[in-house]
Amino acid sequence: MTVTLQLEQLSIMPGQRIVLRDVSWQQFEAILTELGDHRASRLAYDNGMLEIRMPLPEHERSKVLLSDFVKNLLEALDIDFEPFGSSTFKRIDMAKGIEPDECFYIQNHAAMIGKRRLDLTIDPPPDLAIEVDLTSKTQLEVYRVLGVPELWRYESGRLRIDVLQSGRYVESPISPTFPDLLLVERFPGFVEMAATAGTRPALKAFRQWVKEQLQL
């Protein structure tokens, strides 16, 4: 006997995720429409498998903080960018879809100015995506197939940078976008500072550190 559940019958507590199998692309699109854009949950879709995650409040705080650090870094380096937050990136021909915690167009920023609708058959994927506590192989696989060149993963107080090389992610000690800064080494310290001293002092210290590094 097949049991059909309505989406509103599913309750996902913060910090939990559910995985639905045999979800068609049409159902995935319908779920996106039903959930709407203003929500806390994040979705990942991979060949019929749909993963719905509900982040913890501290997860949201961390992803906003990391986004602020990146924005401050881009401003300090006078690099143009377009932030796309947790926009849904999907390709029907690949049967893949993902909603990052945060993402940025940097190298391809000019092509995305004023964009209101995303079409990855025409538009490039984001140049840099950020995930906090990424534990799902589904998410990683979707990022890989969609061709996101740089993925930052912040987990357990550690920043990991993965770079797409020859179709697979390779961990890198430096960011190709910011090759002159030892972000993997220094980022966690500024995140910890934000938790103990506050966000503004941490951002101020981060900006000062970037300034000092650029003067070396």
Protein backbone atom coordinates (compact mmCIF):
# COMPACT_ATOMS: atom_id res chain seq x y z
CA MET A 1 0.00 0.00 0.00
CA THR A 2 1.33 3.40 -0.96
CA VAL A 3 0.86 6.20 1.58
CA THR A 4 0.85 9.78 0.29
CA LEU A 5 1.72 12.62 2.66
CA GLN A 6 1.08 16.31 2.09
CA LEU A 7 4.00 18.68 2.56
CA GLU A 8 2.24 20.47 5.42
CA GLN A 9 2.13 17.18 7.33
CA LEU A 10 5.93 17.12 7.56
CA SER A 11 7.43 18.80 10.61
CA ILE A 12 11.21 19.35 10.61
CA MET A 13 12.76 20.53 13.85
CA PRO A 14 15.75 22.92 13.79
CA GLY A 15 18.97 21.00 13.25
CA GLN A 16 17.21 18.09 11.52
CA ARG A 17 16.75 17.03 7.92
CA ILE A 18 14.51 14.64 6.05
CA VAL A 19 15.19 12.81 2.81
CA LEU A 20 12.39 12.03 0.34
CA ARG A 21 13.01 9.51 -2.45
CA ASP A 22 11.47 9.11 -5.90
CA VAL A 23 10.57 12.80 -6.09
CA SER A 24 10.04 13.85 -9.71
CA TRP A 25 11.36 17.12 -11.08
CA GLN A 26 7.78 18.38 -11.36
CA GLN A 27 7.19 17.56 -7.69
CA PHE A 28 10.45 19.30 -6.75
CA GLU A 29 9.32 22.43 -8.60
CA ALA A 30 5.90 22.25 -6.93
CA ILE A 31 7.51 21.95 -3.49
CA LEU A 32 9.70 24.99 -4.18
CA THR A 33 6.60 26.96 -5.17
CA GLU A 34 4.63 25.81 -2.14
CA LEU A 35 7.42 26.61 0.32
CA GLY A 36 8.07 30.02 -1.23
CA ASP A 37 11.20 32.14 -1.02
CA HIS A 38 10.94 33.45 2.55
CA ARG A 39 11.74 30.43 4.69
CA ALA A 40 14.47 29.00 6.88
CA SER A 41 14.63 25.55 5.27
CA ARG A 42 17.19 24.63 2.61
CA LEU A 43 16.63 22.14 -0.20
CA ALA A 44 18.93 19.92 -2.22
CA TYR A 45 17.73 17.74 -5.12
CA ASP A 46 19.70 15.00 -6.81
CA ASN A 47 18.14 12.62 -9.35
CA GLY A 48 14.88 12.03 -7.50
CA MET A 49 16.26 12.41 -3.97
CA LEU A 50 15.06 15.52 -2.15
CA GLU A 51 16.73 16.64 1.05
CA ILE A 52 15.06 19.27 3.23
CA ARG A 53 17.15 20.78 6.04
CA MET A 54 16.08 23.07 8.87
CA PRO A 55 19.13 24.93 10.23
CA LEU A 56 19.67 25.72 13.88
CA PRO A 57 19.64 29.41 14.92
CA GLU A 58 23.40 29.31 15.52
CA HIS A 59 23.83 27.97 11.99
CA GLU A 60 22.05 31.02 10.61
CA ARG A 61 24.17 33.33 12.72
CA SER A 62 27.37 31.70 11.48
CA LYS A 63 26.39 31.87 7.82
CA VAL A 64 25.48 35.57 8.09
CA LEU A 65 28.78 36.24 9.85
CA LEU A 66 30.79 34.43 7.18
CA SER A 67 28.92 36.32 4.49
CA ASP A 68 29.77 39.61 6.23
CA PHE A 69 33.43 38.64 6.36
CA VAL A 70 33.46 37.87 2.64
CA LYS A 71 31.70 41.15 1.80
CA ASN A 72 34.19 43.11 3.91
CA LEU A 73 37.04 41.25 2.22
CA LEU A 74 35.75 42.00 -1.26
CA GLU A 75 35.26 45.66 -0.34
CA ALA A 76 38.77 45.92 1.10
CA LEU A 77 40.24 44.42 -2.08
CA ASP A 78 38.03 46.65 -4.26
CA ILE A 79 36.57 43.59 -6.01
CA ASP A 80 33.14 43.86 -7.63
CA PHE A 81 30.62 41.19 -6.68
CA GLU A 82 26.96 40.27 -6.70
CA PRO A 83 25.60 38.42 -3.62
CA PHE A 84 22.87 35.85 -4.28
CA GLY A 85 22.32 34.55 -0.74
CA SER A 86 20.37 31.29 -0.60
CA SER A 87 18.95 31.48 -4.13
CA THR A 88 17.81 28.21 -5.70
CA PHE A 89 20.20 26.94 -8.37
CA LYS A 90 18.84 24.13 -10.51
CA ARG A 91 19.16 22.40 -13.86
CA ILE A 92 16.44 20.11 -15.13
CA ASP A 93 18.76 18.49 -17.68
CA MET A 94 21.07 17.41 -14.84
CA ALA A 95 18.24 16.72 -12.35
CA LYS A 96 20.12 18.76 -9.76
CA GLY A 97 19.15 21.62 -7.46
CA ILE A 98 20.75 23.33 -4.45
CA GLU A 99 20.20 26.24 -2.08
CA PRO A 100 23.51 27.36 -0.52
CA ASP A 101 23.73 29.11 2.81
CA GLU A 102 25.35 32.04 1.00
CA CYS A 103 26.89 32.52 -2.43
CA PHE A 104 28.61 35.17 -4.51
CA TYR A 105 29.26 35.96 -8.13
CA ILE A 106 32.73 37.48 -8.30
CA GLN A 107 34.54 36.62 -11.53
CA ASN A 108 31.16 36.49 -13.27
CA HIS A 109 29.57 39.38 -11.38
CA ALA A 110 28.99 41.53 -14.48
CA ALA A 111 26.77 38.89 -16.07
CA MET A 112 24.52 38.79 -13.00
CA ILE A 113 23.86 42.48 -12.37
CA GLY A 114 20.11 43.06 -12.19
CA LYS A 115 19.24 39.36 -12.63
CA ARG A 116 15.85 38.47 -11.19
CA ARG A 117 15.50 34.94 -12.56
CA LEU A 118 18.24 32.32 -12.65
CA ASP A 119 18.68 29.87 -15.52
CA LEU A 120 21.82 27.76 -15.20
CA THR A 121 21.51 26.62 -18.80
CA ILE A 122 22.42 30.23 -19.62
CA ASP A 123 23.80 31.76 -16.43
CA PRO A 124 27.03 30.57 -14.79
CA PRO A 125 26.92 28.95 -11.35
CA PRO A 126 28.05 31.14 -8.43
CA ASP A 127 31.81 31.56 -8.18
CA LEU A 128 31.87 31.04 -4.41
CA ALA A 129 29.38 29.17 -2.22
CA ILE A 130 29.37 28.96 1.57
CA GLU A 131 27.96 26.12 3.64
CA VAL A 132 27.91 25.87 7.43
CA ASP A 133 28.02 22.32 8.85
CA LEU A 134 27.71 20.60 5.47
CA THR A 135 27.44 16.89 6.25
CA SER A 136 25.46 15.70 3.25
CA LYS A 137 27.07 13.96 0.28
CA THR A 138 23.98 14.93 -1.71
CA GLN A 139 24.77 18.62 -1.36
CA LEU A 140 28.43 18.14 -2.25
CA GLU A 141 27.52 16.12 -5.34
CA VAL A 142 25.07 18.76 -6.54
CA TYR A 143 27.65 21.51 -6.15
CA ARG A 144 30.15 19.39 -8.09
CA VAL A 145 27.85 18.61 -11.00
CA LEU A 146 26.57 22.18 -11.25
CA GLY A 147 30.18 23.30 -11.49
CA VAL A 148 30.53 25.68 -8.54
CA PRO A 149 34.30 26.38 -8.69
CA GLU A 150 34.90 27.22 -5.02
CA LEU A 151 33.08 25.91 -1.95
CA TRP A 152 33.73 27.09 1.60
CA ARG A 153 32.64 24.72 4.35
CA TYR A 154 32.66 25.90 7.95
CA GLU A 155 32.34 22.98 10.34
CA SER A 156 33.25 22.57 14.02
CA GLY A 157 35.24 25.80 14.13
CA ARG A 158 37.22 25.01 11.00
CA LEU A 159 37.14 26.55 7.54
CA ARG A 160 37.67 24.16 4.65
CA ILE A 161 38.09 25.41 1.09
CA ASP A 162 37.30 22.99 -1.74
CA VAL A 163 38.28 23.86 -5.30
CA LEU A 164 36.80 22.16 -8.35
CA GLN A 165 39.59 20.55 -10.38
CA SER A 166 38.98 18.18 -13.29
CA GLY A 167 35.41 17.56 -12.20
CA ARG A 168 36.07 16.84 -8.52
CA TYR A 169 36.58 18.86 -5.36
CA VAL A 170 40.08 19.08 -3.95
CA GLU A 171 40.78 20.61 -0.56
CA SER A 172 43.01 23.69 -0.83
CA PRO A 173 44.99 25.59 1.83
CA ILE A 174 44.23 28.87 0.05
CA SER A 175 41.29 30.44 -1.75
CA PRO A 176 41.82 30.96 -5.51
CA THR A 177 39.67 34.09 -5.16
CA PHE A 178 41.86 35.48 -2.34
CA PRO A 179 45.23 33.76 -2.87
CA ASP A 180 47.29 36.22 -0.82
CA LEU A 181 45.44 35.69 2.45
CA LEU A 182 45.74 32.73 4.82
CA LEU A 183 42.01 32.53 5.42
CA VAL A 184 41.93 28.88 6.46
CA GLU A 185 44.32 29.68 9.32
CA ARG A 186 42.84 32.99 10.47
CA PHE A 187 39.09 32.81 9.75
CA PRO A 188 38.14 30.62 12.75
CA GLY A 189 39.79 33.08 15.14
CA PHE A 190 37.64 35.95 13.92
CA VAL A 191 34.51 33.80 14.11
CA GLU A 192 35.40 32.96 17.72
CA MET A 193 35.99 36.64 18.43
CA ALA A 194 32.49 37.42 17.19
CA ALA A 195 31.09 34.86 19.64
CA THR A 196 32.97 36.31 22.62
CA ALA A 197 33.48 40.02 21.90
CA GLY A 198 30.63 40.68 19.46
CA THR A 199 30.18 40.94 15.72
CA ARG A 200 31.25 44.55 15.23
CA PRO A 201 34.62 44.19 17.03
CA ALA A 202 35.30 40.99 15.09
CA LEU A 203 34.54 42.63 11.75
CA LYS A 204 36.69 45.61 12.71
CA ALA A 205 39.60 43.34 13.65
CA PHE A 206 39.14 41.37 10.45
CA ARG A 207 39.26 44.52 8.32
CA GLN A 208 42.40 45.64 10.14
CA TRP A 209 44.06 42.26 9.57
CA VAL A 210 43.22 42.36 5.84
CA LYS A 211 44.66 45.89 5.62
CA GLU A 212 47.87 44.76 7.29
CA GLN A 213 48.18 41.77 4.96
CA LEU A 214 47.77 43.96 1.90
CA GLN A 215 50.60 46.20 3.08
CA LEU A 216 53.09 43.37 3.44
